[in-house]
Amino acid sequence: MDAFIYTLVRAADWRAAEAAGAYDGSADDARDGFLHFSSAAQVRGSAAKHRAGVSDLMLVEADAAALGEALRWEPASGSSRPGLFPHLYGALPLSAVVRVVALPLGADGRHAFPAGFD
């Protein structure tokens, strides 16, 4: 599977994760029992579907290999979206994070992703 995976986190939640040393996930993650991630090819769609209009969003890139067996690639539950999605069964340790990038909203209301997410 992909070498790097991505999750979308509100800025305040990410600052709390940095202070704690790990990201425990959102309320949606807690409800589902795992942290939701996307591949590079999936993350734009995930942002549009699940985080549309969120102005304080951070794109968190993680090294998939650093997550070990806690990372599983599974179908999205109750979704017609094709493909397997990375799900992390446990907290995201900051040691696995490669980079964190702000995702501002563009003039069209969509998140402005860095190069490479086309």
N, C-alpha and C. Protein backbone atom coordinates (compact mmCIF):
# COMPACT_ATOMS: atom_id res chain seq x y z
N MET A 1 0.84 -1.18 0.00
CA MET A 1 0.00 0.00 0.00
C MET A 1 0.89 1.25 0.00
N ASP A 2 0.28 2.42 0.15
CA ASP A 2 1.00 3.69 0.06
C ASP A 2 2.01 3.87 1.20
N ALA A 3 3.11 4.55 0.91
CA ALA A 3 4.14 4.80 1.91
C ALA A 3 3.70 5.87 2.91
N PHE A 4 2.86 6.81 2.45
CA PHE A 4 2.40 7.90 3.30
C PHE A 4 0.88 7.96 3.29
N ILE A 5 0.31 8.26 4.45
CA ILE A 5 -1.14 8.40 4.57
C ILE A 5 -1.45 9.73 5.24
N TYR A 6 -2.71 10.16 5.13
CA TYR A 6 -3.08 11.51 5.52
C TYR A 6 -4.36 11.52 6.34
N THR A 7 -4.36 12.41 7.33
CA THR A 7 -5.58 12.65 8.09
C THR A 7 -5.80 14.16 8.16
N LEU A 8 -7.04 14.56 8.35
CA LEU A 8 -7.43 15.96 8.39
C LEU A 8 -7.84 16.31 9.81
N VAL A 9 -7.15 17.28 10.39
CA VAL A 9 -7.31 17.60 11.81
C VAL A 9 -7.51 19.10 11.97
N ARG A 10 -8.45 19.49 12.83
CA ARG A 10 -8.62 20.91 13.15
C ARG A 10 -7.36 21.41 13.86
N ALA A 11 -7.00 22.66 13.62
CA ALA A 11 -5.75 23.23 14.14
C ALA A 11 -5.66 23.12 15.66
N ALA A 12 -6.71 23.43 16.38
CA ALA A 12 -6.68 23.36 17.85
C ALA A 12 -6.46 21.93 18.33
N ASP A 13 -7.07 20.97 17.64
CA ASP A 13 -6.88 19.56 18.00
C ASP A 13 -5.44 19.12 17.74
N TRP A 14 -4.84 19.65 16.67
CA TRP A 14 -3.46 19.29 16.38
C TRP A 14 -2.51 19.90 17.41
N ARG A 15 -2.76 21.13 17.82
CA ARG A 15 -1.93 21.74 18.87
C ARG A 15 -2.01 20.92 20.16
N ALA A 16 -3.19 20.42 20.50
CA ALA A 16 -3.35 19.57 21.68
C ALA A 16 -2.57 18.26 21.51
N ALA A 17 -2.58 17.71 20.30
CA ALA A 17 -1.83 16.48 20.03
C ALA A 17 -0.33 16.71 20.18
N GLU A 18 0.14 17.85 19.69
CA GLU A 18 1.57 18.16 19.83
C GLU A 18 1.97 18.25 21.30
N ALA A 19 1.11 18.83 22.11
CA ALA A 19 1.39 18.95 23.55
C ALA A 19 1.37 17.58 24.23
N ALA A 20 0.47 16.70 23.76
CA ALA A 20 0.31 15.37 24.37
C ALA A 20 1.31 14.34 23.84
N GLY A 21 1.87 14.59 22.65
CA GLY A 21 2.80 13.64 22.06
C GLY A 21 2.15 12.62 21.14
N ALA A 22 0.81 12.70 20.99
CA ALA A 22 0.09 11.77 20.10
C ALA A 22 -1.27 12.38 19.78
N TYR A 23 -1.84 11.97 18.66
CA TYR A 23 -3.18 12.39 18.27
C TYR A 23 -4.13 11.22 18.49
N ASP A 24 -5.13 11.45 19.35
CA ASP A 24 -6.09 10.40 19.69
C ASP A 24 -7.30 10.36 18.77
N GLY A 25 -7.45 11.35 17.90
CA GLY A 25 -8.54 11.34 16.95
C GLY A 25 -9.67 12.28 17.31
N SER A 26 -10.61 12.37 16.38
CA SER A 26 -11.79 13.22 16.50
C SER A 26 -12.93 12.43 17.14
N ALA A 27 -14.05 13.10 17.34
CA ALA A 27 -15.25 12.42 17.85
C ALA A 27 -15.69 11.32 16.88
N ASP A 28 -15.56 11.58 15.57
CA ASP A 28 -15.90 10.55 14.57
C ASP A 28 -14.99 9.34 14.71
N ASP A 29 -13.71 9.59 14.93
CA ASP A 29 -12.76 8.49 15.11
C ASP A 29 -13.13 7.66 16.34
N ALA A 30 -13.44 8.34 17.44
CA ALA A 30 -13.81 7.64 18.67
C ALA A 30 -15.07 6.80 18.46
N ARG A 31 -16.02 7.35 17.74
CA ARG A 31 -17.27 6.62 17.46
C ARG A 31 -17.00 5.35 16.66
N ASP A 32 -16.10 5.44 15.68
CA ASP A 32 -15.85 4.32 14.77
C ASP A 32 -14.79 3.34 15.29
N GLY A 33 -14.04 3.75 16.32
CA GLY A 33 -13.05 2.85 16.91
C GLY A 33 -11.69 2.85 16.23
N PHE A 34 -11.45 3.80 15.33
CA PHE A 34 -10.15 3.92 14.65
C PHE A 34 -10.00 5.32 14.11
N LEU A 35 -8.77 5.71 13.83
CA LEU A 35 -8.50 7.00 13.21
C LEU A 35 -8.63 6.85 11.70
N HIS A 36 -9.38 7.76 11.09
CA HIS A 36 -9.60 7.75 9.65
C HIS A 36 -8.43 8.42 8.93
N PHE A 37 -7.90 7.73 7.96
CA PHE A 37 -6.84 8.27 7.11
C PHE A 37 -7.25 8.10 5.66
N SER A 38 -6.51 8.74 4.77
CA SER A 38 -6.71 8.62 3.32
C SER A 38 -5.35 8.48 2.66
N SER A 39 -5.35 7.92 1.47
CA SER A 39 -4.15 7.93 0.65
C SER A 39 -4.06 9.31 -0.01
N ALA A 40 -2.96 9.60 -0.67
CA ALA A 40 -2.82 10.88 -1.37
C ALA A 40 -3.91 11.04 -2.43
N ALA A 41 -4.26 9.94 -3.08
CA ALA A 41 -5.30 9.99 -4.12
C ALA A 41 -6.70 10.18 -3.54
N GLN A 42 -6.90 9.85 -2.28
CA GLN A 42 -8.23 9.91 -1.66
C GLN A 42 -8.47 11.17 -0.83
N VAL A 43 -7.41 11.86 -0.42
CA VAL A 43 -7.56 12.89 0.61
C VAL A 43 -8.36 14.11 0.15
N ARG A 44 -8.26 14.50 -1.10
CA ARG A 44 -9.09 15.62 -1.58
C ARG A 44 -10.58 15.28 -1.46
N GLY A 45 -10.95 14.09 -1.86
CA GLY A 45 -12.34 13.67 -1.76
C GLY A 45 -12.81 13.60 -0.32
N SER A 46 -11.94 13.13 0.56
CA SER A 46 -12.28 13.07 1.98
C SER A 46 -12.50 14.48 2.55
N ALA A 47 -11.65 15.40 2.17
CA ALA A 47 -11.81 16.79 2.63
C ALA A 47 -13.12 17.37 2.14
N ALA A 48 -13.44 17.15 0.87
CA ALA A 48 -14.67 17.70 0.30
C ALA A 48 -15.91 17.08 0.93
N LYS A 49 -15.84 15.78 1.22
CA LYS A 49 -17.01 15.10 1.77
C LYS A 49 -17.19 15.31 3.27
N HIS A 50 -16.09 15.27 4.02
CA HIS A 50 -16.19 15.25 5.48
C HIS A 50 -15.77 16.55 6.17
N ARG A 51 -15.05 17.43 5.47
CA ARG A 51 -14.55 18.65 6.11
C ARG A 51 -14.81 19.90 5.28
N ALA A 52 -15.80 19.85 4.43
CA ALA A 52 -16.13 21.00 3.57
C ALA A 52 -16.37 22.25 4.42
N GLY A 53 -15.74 23.34 4.05
CA GLY A 53 -15.94 24.62 4.71
C GLY A 53 -15.20 24.80 6.02
N VAL A 54 -14.46 23.80 6.48
CA VAL A 54 -13.71 23.93 7.73
C VAL A 54 -12.47 24.78 7.45
N SER A 55 -12.39 25.93 8.08
CA SER A 55 -11.34 26.89 7.74
C SER A 55 -10.03 26.68 8.50
N ASP A 56 -10.04 25.92 9.57
CA ASP A 56 -8.82 25.75 10.39
C ASP A 56 -8.27 24.34 10.28
N LEU A 57 -8.25 23.80 9.09
CA LEU A 57 -7.89 22.40 8.88
C LEU A 57 -6.40 22.23 8.61
N MET A 58 -5.85 21.14 9.18
CA MET A 58 -4.46 20.78 8.96
C MET A 58 -4.41 19.42 8.25
N LEU A 59 -3.52 19.31 7.30
CA LEU A 59 -3.24 18.04 6.62
C LEU A 59 -2.05 17.41 7.32
N VAL A 60 -2.26 16.24 7.92
CA VAL A 60 -1.20 15.56 8.66
C VAL A 60 -0.77 14.35 7.84
N GLU A 61 0.50 14.33 7.48
CA GLU A 61 1.08 13.23 6.70
C GLU A 61 1.86 12.31 7.63
N ALA A 62 1.57 11.02 7.54
CA ALA A 62 2.23 10.04 8.40
C ALA A 62 2.91 8.96 7.57
N ASP A 63 3.99 8.43 8.10
CA ASP A 63 4.72 7.33 7.50
C ASP A 63 3.97 6.04 7.84
N ALA A 64 3.37 5.43 6.84
CA ALA A 64 2.55 4.24 7.07
C ALA A 64 3.35 3.10 7.71
N ALA A 65 4.58 2.90 7.30
CA ALA A 65 5.39 1.81 7.84
C ALA A 65 5.66 1.99 9.33
N ALA A 66 5.73 3.22 9.80
CA ALA A 66 6.01 3.49 11.21
C ALA A 66 4.84 3.13 12.12
N LEU A 67 3.67 2.86 11.52
CA LEU A 67 2.47 2.58 12.32
C LEU A 67 2.27 1.09 12.58
N GLY A 68 3.03 0.25 11.91
CA GLY A 68 2.99 -1.18 12.17
C GLY A 68 1.64 -1.82 11.96
N GLU A 69 1.36 -2.84 12.77
CA GLU A 69 0.14 -3.63 12.62
C GLU A 69 -1.13 -2.91 13.04
N ALA A 70 -0.99 -1.76 13.69
CA ALA A 70 -2.18 -0.98 14.08
C ALA A 70 -2.85 -0.35 12.86
N LEU A 71 -2.13 -0.30 11.73
CA LEU A 71 -2.67 0.26 10.49
C LEU A 71 -3.25 -0.86 9.64
N ARG A 72 -4.50 -0.68 9.25
CA ARG A 72 -5.17 -1.65 8.36
C ARG A 72 -5.82 -0.90 7.20
N TRP A 73 -5.79 -1.52 6.03
CA TRP A 73 -6.45 -0.97 4.85
C TRP A 73 -7.78 -1.69 4.69
N GLU A 74 -8.87 -0.92 4.78
CA GLU A 74 -10.21 -1.50 4.81
C GLU A 74 -11.18 -0.67 3.97
N PRO A 75 -12.30 -1.28 3.53
CA PRO A 75 -13.32 -0.49 2.83
C PRO A 75 -13.93 0.51 3.79
N ALA A 76 -14.39 1.63 3.26
CA ALA A 76 -15.09 2.63 4.07
C ALA A 76 -16.45 2.07 4.44
N SER A 77 -16.74 2.02 5.71
CA SER A 77 -17.99 1.46 6.21
C SER A 77 -19.19 2.27 5.74
N GLY A 78 -20.20 1.59 5.19
CA GLY A 78 -21.44 2.25 4.78
C GLY A 78 -21.25 3.25 3.66
N SER A 79 -20.23 3.08 2.86
CA SER A 79 -19.94 4.04 1.80
C SER A 79 -19.89 3.35 0.45
N SER A 80 -20.23 4.10 -0.56
CA SER A 80 -20.11 3.59 -1.93
C SER A 80 -18.76 3.98 -2.53
N ARG A 81 -17.90 4.63 -1.74
CA ARG A 81 -16.59 5.06 -2.24
C ARG A 81 -15.72 3.83 -2.49
N PRO A 82 -15.16 3.74 -3.69
CA PRO A 82 -14.35 2.56 -4.04
C PRO A 82 -12.99 2.58 -3.36
N GLY A 83 -12.40 1.43 -3.25
CA GLY A 83 -11.05 1.31 -2.74
C GLY A 83 -10.98 1.08 -1.25
N LEU A 84 -9.77 0.83 -0.80
CA LEU A 84 -9.51 0.61 0.62
C LEU A 84 -8.94 1.88 1.23
N PHE A 85 -9.33 2.13 2.48
CA PHE A 85 -8.87 3.32 3.19
C PHE A 85 -8.01 2.89 4.37
N PRO A 86 -6.96 3.67 4.70
CA PRO A 86 -6.14 3.35 5.85
C PRO A 86 -6.86 3.72 7.15
N HIS A 87 -6.95 2.77 8.06
CA HIS A 87 -7.55 2.98 9.38
C HIS A 87 -6.50 2.64 10.43
N LEU A 88 -6.31 3.53 11.38
CA LEU A 88 -5.33 3.31 12.44
C LEU A 88 -6.05 2.96 13.73
N TYR A 89 -5.80 1.78 14.23
CA TYR A 89 -6.40 1.30 15.47
C TYR A 89 -5.47 1.63 16.63
N GLY A 90 -5.54 2.85 17.07
CA GLY A 90 -4.70 3.37 18.14
C GLY A 90 -4.38 4.82 17.87
N ALA A 91 -3.69 5.44 18.79
CA ALA A 91 -3.32 6.85 18.64
C ALA A 91 -2.21 6.99 17.59
N LEU A 92 -2.15 8.16 16.97
CA LEU A 92 -1.10 8.48 16.02
C LEU A 92 0.07 9.09 16.79
N PRO A 93 1.20 8.38 16.89
CA PRO A 93 2.35 8.96 17.60
C PRO A 93 2.99 10.06 16.75
N LEU A 94 3.42 11.12 17.39
CA LEU A 94 4.04 12.21 16.64
C LEU A 94 5.30 11.74 15.93
N SER A 95 5.93 10.69 16.42
CA SER A 95 7.14 10.17 15.78
C SER A 95 6.88 9.63 14.37
N ALA A 96 5.62 9.30 14.05
CA ALA A 96 5.27 8.80 12.72
C ALA A 96 4.87 9.92 11.76
N VAL A 97 4.74 11.14 12.26
CA VAL A 97 4.29 12.27 11.44
C VAL A 97 5.47 12.83 10.66
N VAL A 98 5.28 12.95 9.34
CA VAL A 98 6.31 13.44 8.44
C VAL A 98 6.20 14.95 8.26
N ARG A 99 4.98 15.44 8.10
CA ARG A 99 4.77 16.88 7.96
C ARG A 99 3.32 17.21 8.27
N VAL A 100 3.12 18.49 8.60
CA VAL A 100 1.79 19.02 8.87
C VAL A 100 1.67 20.32 8.09
N VAL A 101 0.60 20.45 7.28
CA VAL A 101 0.43 21.59 6.41
C VAL A 101 -0.97 22.17 6.62
N ALA A 102 -1.05 23.49 6.75
CA ALA A 102 -2.36 24.13 6.84
C ALA A 102 -3.08 24.00 5.49
N LEU A 103 -4.40 23.78 5.55
CA LEU A 103 -5.23 23.70 4.34
C LEU A 103 -6.23 24.85 4.35
N PRO A 104 -5.81 26.01 3.89
CA PRO A 104 -6.74 27.14 3.86
C PRO A 104 -7.83 26.93 2.82
N LEU A 105 -8.93 27.64 3.00
CA LEU A 105 -9.99 27.60 1.99
C LEU A 105 -9.65 28.56 0.87
N GLY A 106 -9.79 28.09 -0.37
CA GLY A 106 -9.56 28.93 -1.52
C GLY A 106 -10.78 29.79 -1.81
N ALA A 107 -10.68 30.63 -2.82
CA ALA A 107 -11.78 31.51 -3.21
C ALA A 107 -13.02 30.72 -3.61
N ASP A 108 -12.82 29.49 -4.07
CA ASP A 108 -13.95 28.65 -4.47
C ASP A 108 -14.58 27.89 -3.29
N GLY A 109 -14.02 28.10 -2.07
CA GLY A 109 -14.56 27.44 -0.89
C GLY A 109 -13.98 26.05 -0.64
N ARG A 110 -13.12 25.59 -1.52
CA ARG A 110 -12.48 24.29 -1.35
C ARG A 110 -11.11 24.45 -0.71
N HIS A 111 -10.64 23.41 -0.07
CA HIS A 111 -9.33 23.47 0.57
C HIS A 111 -8.22 23.53 -0.48
N ALA A 112 -7.22 24.37 -0.21
CA ALA A 112 -6.07 24.54 -1.09
C ALA A 112 -4.98 23.57 -0.65
N PHE A 113 -4.79 22.51 -1.41
CA PHE A 113 -3.80 21.48 -1.09
C PHE A 113 -2.44 21.85 -1.65
N PRO A 114 -1.36 21.38 -1.01
CA PRO A 114 -0.03 21.60 -1.57
C PRO A 114 0.14 20.81 -2.87
N ALA A 115 1.19 21.12 -3.59
CA ALA A 115 1.48 20.41 -4.83
C ALA A 115 1.59 18.91 -4.58
N GLY A 116 1.16 18.11 -5.54
CA GLY A 116 1.27 16.67 -5.43
C GLY A 116 -0.04 15.99 -5.04
N PHE A 117 -1.08 16.74 -4.84
CA PHE A 117 -2.37 16.18 -4.46
C PHE A 117 -3.42 16.42 -5.55
N ASP A 118 -2.98 16.34 -6.78
CA ASP A 118 -3.89 16.61 -7.91
C ASP A 118 -4.59 15.37 -8.37
